Amino acid sequence: MKKIALLIIVIALFSCKNDELSADRFKTGIFEIPAGKGYEKTVIIRQDSLQIEKYEDRIDSLSITWKNNFNYTLKMLHPKTAIDEDPIYIKITSISKNSYEFEAVIGHSNYVQKGTIYKK
């Protein structure tokens, strides 16, 4: 029984280090959400706890807080409307080499927006 438990721990440790399973590479850099499926083309720049989003003729600044490799929260730094004051909860649902799929919920809404972010 001890050997099985040790084997599970070793597999878990190596799985966390596997780059294909880790979202660490998406925590900083330049990204894009392509136009379509409810989105305008959006360019995202992430550095430390700051995320800048450029779309249409707007630029938004948000704080980004990572809960773990697969969940993070965005909060507008300069909200313009009441809905902008609500946090956006993001869950990464799958990871590919240069992209990830996500689900986003604003505040305590039941509406889930899905999309894909590509690393440039």
N, C-alpha and C. Protein backbone atom coordinates (compact mmCIF):
# COMPACT_ATOMS: atom_id res chain seq x y z
N MET A 1 0.82 -1.19 0.00
CA MET A 1 0.00 0.00 0.00
C MET A 1 0.87 1.26 0.00
N LYS A 2 1.98 1.22 0.76
CA LYS A 2 2.86 2.38 0.82
C LYS A 2 3.48 2.65 -0.55
N LYS A 3 3.78 1.59 -1.31
CA LYS A 3 4.37 1.75 -2.64
C LYS A 3 3.39 2.43 -3.59
N ILE A 4 2.12 2.09 -3.49
CA ILE A 4 1.10 2.71 -4.35
C ILE A 4 0.96 4.18 -4.01
N ALA A 5 0.94 4.51 -2.73
CA ALA A 5 0.83 5.91 -2.31
C ALA A 5 2.05 6.71 -2.79
N LEU A 6 3.23 6.13 -2.67
CA LEU A 6 4.45 6.79 -3.13
C LEU A 6 4.42 7.00 -4.64
N LEU A 7 3.96 6.00 -5.37
CA LEU A 7 3.86 6.11 -6.82
C LEU A 7 2.90 7.22 -7.23
N ILE A 8 1.77 7.33 -6.55
CA ILE A 8 0.80 8.40 -6.84
C ILE A 8 1.42 9.77 -6.59
N ILE A 9 2.15 9.91 -5.50
CA ILE A 9 2.81 11.19 -5.19
C ILE A 9 3.83 11.54 -6.26
N VAL A 10 4.65 10.59 -6.68
CA VAL A 10 5.67 10.83 -7.70
C VAL A 10 5.01 11.24 -9.02
N ILE A 11 3.96 10.54 -9.41
CA ILE A 11 3.26 10.88 -10.66
C ILE A 11 2.68 12.29 -10.57
N ALA A 12 2.09 12.63 -9.44
CA ALA A 12 1.51 13.97 -9.27
C ALA A 12 2.58 15.05 -9.36
N LEU A 13 3.73 14.81 -8.74
CA LEU A 13 4.81 15.80 -8.79
C LEU A 13 5.31 16.02 -10.21
N PHE A 14 5.51 14.95 -10.96
CA PHE A 14 5.99 15.09 -12.33
C PHE A 14 4.91 15.69 -13.23
N SER A 15 3.66 15.41 -12.97
CA SER A 15 2.58 15.98 -13.77
C SER A 15 2.53 17.49 -13.60
N CYS A 16 2.77 17.98 -12.39
CA CYS A 16 2.74 19.42 -12.15
C CYS A 16 3.90 20.12 -12.85
N LYS A 17 5.00 19.42 -13.07
CA LYS A 17 6.16 20.01 -13.73
C LYS A 17 6.03 19.96 -15.24
N ASN A 18 5.15 19.11 -15.77
CA ASN A 18 4.97 18.96 -17.21
C ASN A 18 4.42 20.25 -17.80
N ASP A 19 5.16 20.84 -18.73
CA ASP A 19 4.79 22.12 -19.32
C ASP A 19 3.45 22.06 -20.03
N GLU A 20 3.10 20.91 -20.59
CA GLU A 20 1.83 20.78 -21.31
C GLU A 20 0.66 20.89 -20.34
N LEU A 21 0.84 20.53 -19.08
CA LEU A 21 -0.25 20.55 -18.12
C LEU A 21 -0.26 21.81 -17.27
N SER A 22 0.74 22.65 -17.40
CA SER A 22 0.86 23.84 -16.58
C SER A 22 0.44 25.09 -17.34
N ALA A 23 -0.25 25.97 -16.65
CA ALA A 23 -0.66 27.24 -17.25
C ALA A 23 0.34 28.35 -16.94
N ASP A 24 1.48 28.03 -16.34
CA ASP A 24 2.47 29.06 -15.97
C ASP A 24 2.87 29.92 -17.17
N ARG A 25 2.99 29.33 -18.34
CA ARG A 25 3.45 30.08 -19.51
C ARG A 25 2.41 31.12 -19.98
N PHE A 26 1.21 31.06 -19.41
CA PHE A 26 0.16 32.01 -19.79
C PHE A 26 0.01 33.14 -18.76
N LYS A 27 0.87 33.17 -17.77
CA LYS A 27 0.75 34.19 -16.73
C LYS A 27 1.35 35.53 -17.15
N THR A 28 2.29 35.54 -18.09
CA THR A 28 2.86 36.79 -18.60
C THR A 28 3.00 36.68 -20.11
N GLY A 29 3.01 37.83 -20.77
CA GLY A 29 3.21 37.84 -22.22
C GLY A 29 2.10 38.57 -22.95
N ILE A 30 2.08 38.36 -24.26
CA ILE A 30 1.08 38.98 -25.14
C ILE A 30 0.19 37.87 -25.69
N PHE A 31 -1.11 38.12 -25.66
CA PHE A 31 -2.10 37.13 -26.03
C PHE A 31 -3.15 37.76 -26.94
N GLU A 32 -3.97 36.89 -27.55
CA GLU A 32 -5.04 37.40 -28.41
C GLU A 32 -6.26 36.51 -28.29
N ILE A 33 -7.41 37.15 -28.23
CA ILE A 33 -8.69 36.47 -28.39
C ILE A 33 -9.18 36.89 -29.77
N PRO A 34 -9.32 35.96 -30.70
CA PRO A 34 -9.76 36.34 -32.05
C PRO A 34 -11.22 36.78 -32.06
N ALA A 35 -11.58 37.56 -33.08
CA ALA A 35 -12.96 38.01 -33.23
C ALA A 35 -13.86 36.81 -33.50
N GLY A 36 -15.06 36.88 -32.99
CA GLY A 36 -16.04 35.82 -33.19
C GLY A 36 -16.49 35.23 -31.88
N LYS A 37 -17.57 34.48 -31.89
CA LYS A 37 -18.12 33.83 -30.71
C LYS A 37 -18.34 34.82 -29.57
N GLY A 38 -18.88 35.99 -29.87
CA GLY A 38 -19.20 36.98 -28.84
C GLY A 38 -18.06 37.89 -28.46
N TYR A 39 -16.94 37.83 -29.17
CA TYR A 39 -15.79 38.67 -28.86
C TYR A 39 -15.38 39.51 -30.05
N GLU A 40 -14.93 40.71 -29.78
CA GLU A 40 -14.18 41.49 -30.76
C GLU A 40 -12.74 41.02 -30.63
N LYS A 41 -11.93 41.22 -31.66
CA LYS A 41 -10.51 40.88 -31.54
C LYS A 41 -9.95 41.66 -30.35
N THR A 42 -9.33 40.92 -29.45
CA THR A 42 -8.81 41.52 -28.23
C THR A 42 -7.34 41.14 -28.07
N VAL A 43 -6.48 42.13 -27.85
CA VAL A 43 -5.07 41.90 -27.56
C VAL A 43 -4.89 42.11 -26.06
N ILE A 44 -4.23 41.14 -25.43
CA ILE A 44 -4.04 41.15 -23.98
C ILE A 44 -2.55 41.17 -23.69
N ILE A 45 -2.16 42.07 -22.80
CA ILE A 45 -0.76 42.14 -22.35
C ILE A 45 -0.78 41.90 -20.84
N ARG A 46 -0.03 40.87 -20.39
CA ARG A 46 0.03 40.54 -18.97
C ARG A 46 1.46 40.69 -18.47
N GLN A 47 1.56 41.36 -17.33
CA GLN A 47 2.85 41.48 -16.65
C GLN A 47 2.57 41.58 -15.16
N ASP A 48 3.17 40.71 -14.39
CA ASP A 48 2.96 40.66 -12.95
C ASP A 48 1.47 40.56 -12.64
N SER A 49 0.92 41.53 -11.91
CA SER A 49 -0.49 41.48 -11.53
C SER A 49 -1.34 42.43 -12.39
N LEU A 50 -0.81 42.84 -13.54
CA LEU A 50 -1.52 43.79 -14.41
C LEU A 50 -1.87 43.13 -15.74
N GLN A 51 -3.09 43.36 -16.19
CA GLN A 51 -3.52 42.91 -17.52
C GLN A 51 -4.10 44.10 -18.26
N ILE A 52 -3.60 44.38 -19.46
CA ILE A 52 -4.11 45.44 -20.33
C ILE A 52 -4.84 44.76 -21.48
N GLU A 53 -6.07 45.20 -21.76
CA GLU A 53 -6.85 44.64 -22.86
C GLU A 53 -7.14 45.76 -23.87
N LYS A 54 -6.83 45.48 -25.14
CA LYS A 54 -7.08 46.43 -26.22
C LYS A 54 -8.07 45.79 -27.19
N TYR A 55 -9.21 46.45 -27.39
CA TYR A 55 -10.22 45.96 -28.32
C TYR A 55 -11.05 47.15 -28.80
N GLU A 56 -11.58 47.02 -30.02
CA GLU A 56 -12.28 48.12 -30.68
C GLU A 56 -11.45 49.38 -30.51
N ASP A 57 -12.02 50.42 -29.92
CA ASP A 57 -11.26 51.66 -29.67
C ASP A 57 -11.05 51.86 -28.18
N ARG A 58 -11.06 50.77 -27.41
CA ARG A 58 -10.94 50.85 -25.95
C ARG A 58 -9.66 50.18 -25.45
N ILE A 59 -9.21 50.66 -24.32
CA ILE A 59 -8.11 50.03 -23.59
C ILE A 59 -8.55 49.95 -22.13
N ASP A 60 -8.56 48.74 -21.59
CA ASP A 60 -8.93 48.53 -20.20
C ASP A 60 -7.73 48.00 -19.42
N SER A 61 -7.61 48.45 -18.18
CA SER A 61 -6.58 47.96 -17.27
C SER A 61 -7.25 47.16 -16.17
N LEU A 62 -6.73 45.98 -15.92
CA LEU A 62 -7.31 45.10 -14.91
C LEU A 62 -6.21 44.54 -14.01
N SER A 63 -6.56 44.28 -12.77
CA SER A 63 -5.64 43.53 -11.91
C SER A 63 -5.95 42.06 -12.13
N ILE A 64 -4.91 41.24 -12.11
CA ILE A 64 -5.09 39.80 -12.27
C ILE A 64 -4.50 39.11 -11.05
N THR A 65 -5.31 38.25 -10.45
CA THR A 65 -4.89 37.48 -9.28
C THR A 65 -5.08 36.01 -9.59
N TRP A 66 -3.97 35.28 -9.57
CA TRP A 66 -4.01 33.84 -9.86
C TRP A 66 -4.28 33.09 -8.57
N LYS A 67 -5.34 32.30 -8.55
CA LYS A 67 -5.65 31.44 -7.40
C LYS A 67 -4.79 30.19 -7.46
N ASN A 68 -4.63 29.64 -8.67
CA ASN A 68 -3.77 28.49 -8.93
C ASN A 68 -3.49 28.49 -10.43
N ASN A 69 -2.92 27.44 -10.98
CA ASN A 69 -2.58 27.42 -12.40
C ASN A 69 -3.80 27.43 -13.32
N PHE A 70 -4.98 27.19 -12.80
CA PHE A 70 -6.15 27.06 -13.67
C PHE A 70 -7.31 27.99 -13.33
N ASN A 71 -7.14 28.86 -12.35
CA ASN A 71 -8.18 29.80 -11.97
C ASN A 71 -7.56 31.15 -11.63
N TYR A 72 -8.16 32.21 -12.18
CA TYR A 72 -7.72 33.54 -11.82
C TYR A 72 -8.90 34.50 -11.84
N THR A 73 -8.69 35.65 -11.21
CA THR A 73 -9.73 36.67 -11.12
C THR A 73 -9.21 37.96 -11.73
N LEU A 74 -10.06 38.61 -12.52
CA LEU A 74 -9.76 39.92 -13.09
C LEU A 74 -10.65 40.96 -12.44
N LYS A 75 -10.10 42.14 -12.18
CA LYS A 75 -10.87 43.24 -11.60
C LYS A 75 -10.46 44.52 -12.32
N MET A 76 -11.45 45.24 -12.85
CA MET A 76 -11.18 46.51 -13.54
C MET A 76 -10.54 47.50 -12.58
N LEU A 77 -9.49 48.16 -13.03
CA LEU A 77 -8.84 49.17 -12.19
C LEU A 77 -9.59 50.49 -12.21
N HIS A 78 -10.24 50.79 -13.35
CA HIS A 78 -10.99 52.04 -13.49
C HIS A 78 -12.37 51.73 -14.07
N PRO A 79 -13.28 51.17 -13.26
CA PRO A 79 -14.58 50.79 -13.78
C PRO A 79 -15.39 52.01 -14.25
N LYS A 80 -16.08 51.82 -15.38
CA LYS A 80 -16.90 52.91 -15.95
C LYS A 80 -18.38 52.67 -15.75
N THR A 81 -18.76 51.42 -15.51
CA THR A 81 -20.17 51.08 -15.28
C THR A 81 -20.26 50.19 -14.05
N ALA A 82 -21.48 49.96 -13.58
CA ALA A 82 -21.68 49.11 -12.39
C ALA A 82 -21.20 47.68 -12.63
N ILE A 83 -21.44 47.17 -13.84
CA ILE A 83 -21.01 45.80 -14.13
C ILE A 83 -19.49 45.69 -14.18
N ASP A 84 -18.80 46.79 -14.54
CA ASP A 84 -17.33 46.79 -14.55
C ASP A 84 -16.74 46.65 -13.15
N GLU A 85 -17.55 46.91 -12.12
CA GLU A 85 -17.06 46.82 -10.74
C GLU A 85 -17.02 45.38 -10.24
N ASP A 86 -17.76 44.49 -10.90
CA ASP A 86 -17.78 43.09 -10.49
C ASP A 86 -16.52 42.38 -10.96
N PRO A 87 -15.99 41.48 -10.14
CA PRO A 87 -14.82 40.69 -10.57
C PRO A 87 -15.24 39.71 -11.66
N ILE A 88 -14.28 39.33 -12.47
CA ILE A 88 -14.49 38.33 -13.51
C ILE A 88 -13.69 37.09 -13.09
N TYR A 89 -14.38 35.98 -12.92
CA TYR A 89 -13.75 34.74 -12.50
C TYR A 89 -13.48 33.89 -13.73
N ILE A 90 -12.22 33.53 -13.93
CA ILE A 90 -11.81 32.76 -15.10
C ILE A 90 -11.36 31.36 -14.67
N LYS A 91 -11.85 30.37 -15.38
CA LYS A 91 -11.42 28.98 -15.17
C LYS A 91 -10.86 28.47 -16.49
N ILE A 92 -9.60 28.03 -16.47
CA ILE A 92 -8.97 27.44 -17.65
C ILE A 92 -9.45 25.99 -17.72
N THR A 93 -10.10 25.64 -18.84
CA THR A 93 -10.70 24.31 -18.96
C THR A 93 -9.85 23.34 -19.76
N SER A 94 -8.99 23.85 -20.65
CA SER A 94 -8.06 22.98 -21.36
C SER A 94 -6.89 23.80 -21.88
N ILE A 95 -5.75 23.14 -22.02
CA ILE A 95 -4.52 23.81 -22.43
C ILE A 95 -3.94 23.11 -23.64
N SER A 96 -3.52 23.90 -24.63
CA SER A 96 -2.77 23.40 -25.78
C SER A 96 -1.39 24.05 -25.74
N LYS A 97 -0.60 23.79 -26.75
CA LYS A 97 0.77 24.31 -26.77
C LYS A 97 0.80 25.84 -26.66
N ASN A 98 0.02 26.53 -27.47
CA ASN A 98 0.05 28.00 -27.50
C ASN A 98 -1.29 28.65 -27.20
N SER A 99 -2.20 27.91 -26.57
CA SER A 99 -3.52 28.49 -26.28
C SER A 99 -4.15 27.77 -25.10
N TYR A 100 -5.22 28.39 -24.61
CA TYR A 100 -6.05 27.71 -23.63
C TYR A 100 -7.50 28.12 -23.81
N GLU A 101 -8.37 27.21 -23.46
CA GLU A 101 -9.80 27.50 -23.47
C GLU A 101 -10.20 27.87 -22.06
N PHE A 102 -11.19 28.77 -21.97
CA PHE A 102 -11.58 29.24 -20.66
C PHE A 102 -13.09 29.42 -20.56
N GLU A 103 -13.54 29.54 -19.32
CA GLU A 103 -14.91 29.92 -19.01
C GLU A 103 -14.81 31.12 -18.08
N ALA A 104 -15.62 32.15 -18.37
CA ALA A 104 -15.60 33.37 -17.57
C ALA A 104 -16.99 33.66 -17.02
N VAL A 105 -17.02 34.07 -15.75
CA VAL A 105 -18.27 34.45 -15.10
C VAL A 105 -18.04 35.81 -14.46
N ILE A 106 -18.95 36.75 -14.73
CA ILE A 106 -18.85 38.09 -14.13
C ILE A 106 -19.66 38.09 -12.84
N GLY A 107 -18.98 38.45 -11.75
CA GLY A 107 -19.64 38.52 -10.43
C GLY A 107 -20.26 37.19 -10.06
N HIS A 108 -21.51 37.25 -9.63
CA HIS A 108 -22.22 36.04 -9.22
C HIS A 108 -23.27 35.65 -10.24
N SER A 109 -23.04 36.02 -11.48
CA SER A 109 -23.95 35.69 -12.57
C SER A 109 -23.96 34.19 -12.84
N ASN A 110 -25.02 33.72 -13.45
CA ASN A 110 -25.09 32.32 -13.88
C ASN A 110 -24.65 32.18 -15.33
N TYR A 111 -24.40 33.30 -16.00
CA TYR A 111 -24.01 33.29 -17.41
C TYR A 111 -22.52 32.99 -17.52
N VAL A 112 -22.18 31.99 -18.33
CA VAL A 112 -20.79 31.59 -18.53
C VAL A 112 -20.40 31.91 -19.98
N GLN A 113 -19.37 32.74 -20.15
CA GLN A 113 -18.84 33.06 -21.47
C GLN A 113 -17.63 32.17 -21.70
N LYS A 114 -17.59 31.49 -22.85
CA LYS A 114 -16.47 30.61 -23.17
C LYS A 114 -15.65 31.24 -24.28
N GLY A 115 -14.36 30.91 -24.32
CA GLY A 115 -13.49 31.43 -25.36
C GLY A 115 -12.15 30.75 -25.36
N THR A 116 -11.29 31.20 -26.28
CA THR A 116 -9.93 30.68 -26.41
C THR A 116 -8.97 31.86 -26.46
N ILE A 117 -7.89 31.76 -25.71
CA ILE A 117 -6.83 32.76 -25.72
C ILE A 117 -5.58 32.13 -26.31
N TYR A 118 -4.95 32.86 -27.26
CA TYR A 118 -3.74 32.39 -27.94
C TYR A 118 -2.56 33.22 -27.51
N LYS A 119 -1.46 32.57 -27.20
CA LYS A 119 -0.22 33.28 -26.87
C LYS A 119 0.47 33.65 -28.16
N LYS A 120 0.90 34.91 -28.26
CA LYS A 120 1.57 35.38 -29.48
C LYS A 120 3.05 35.26 -29.32
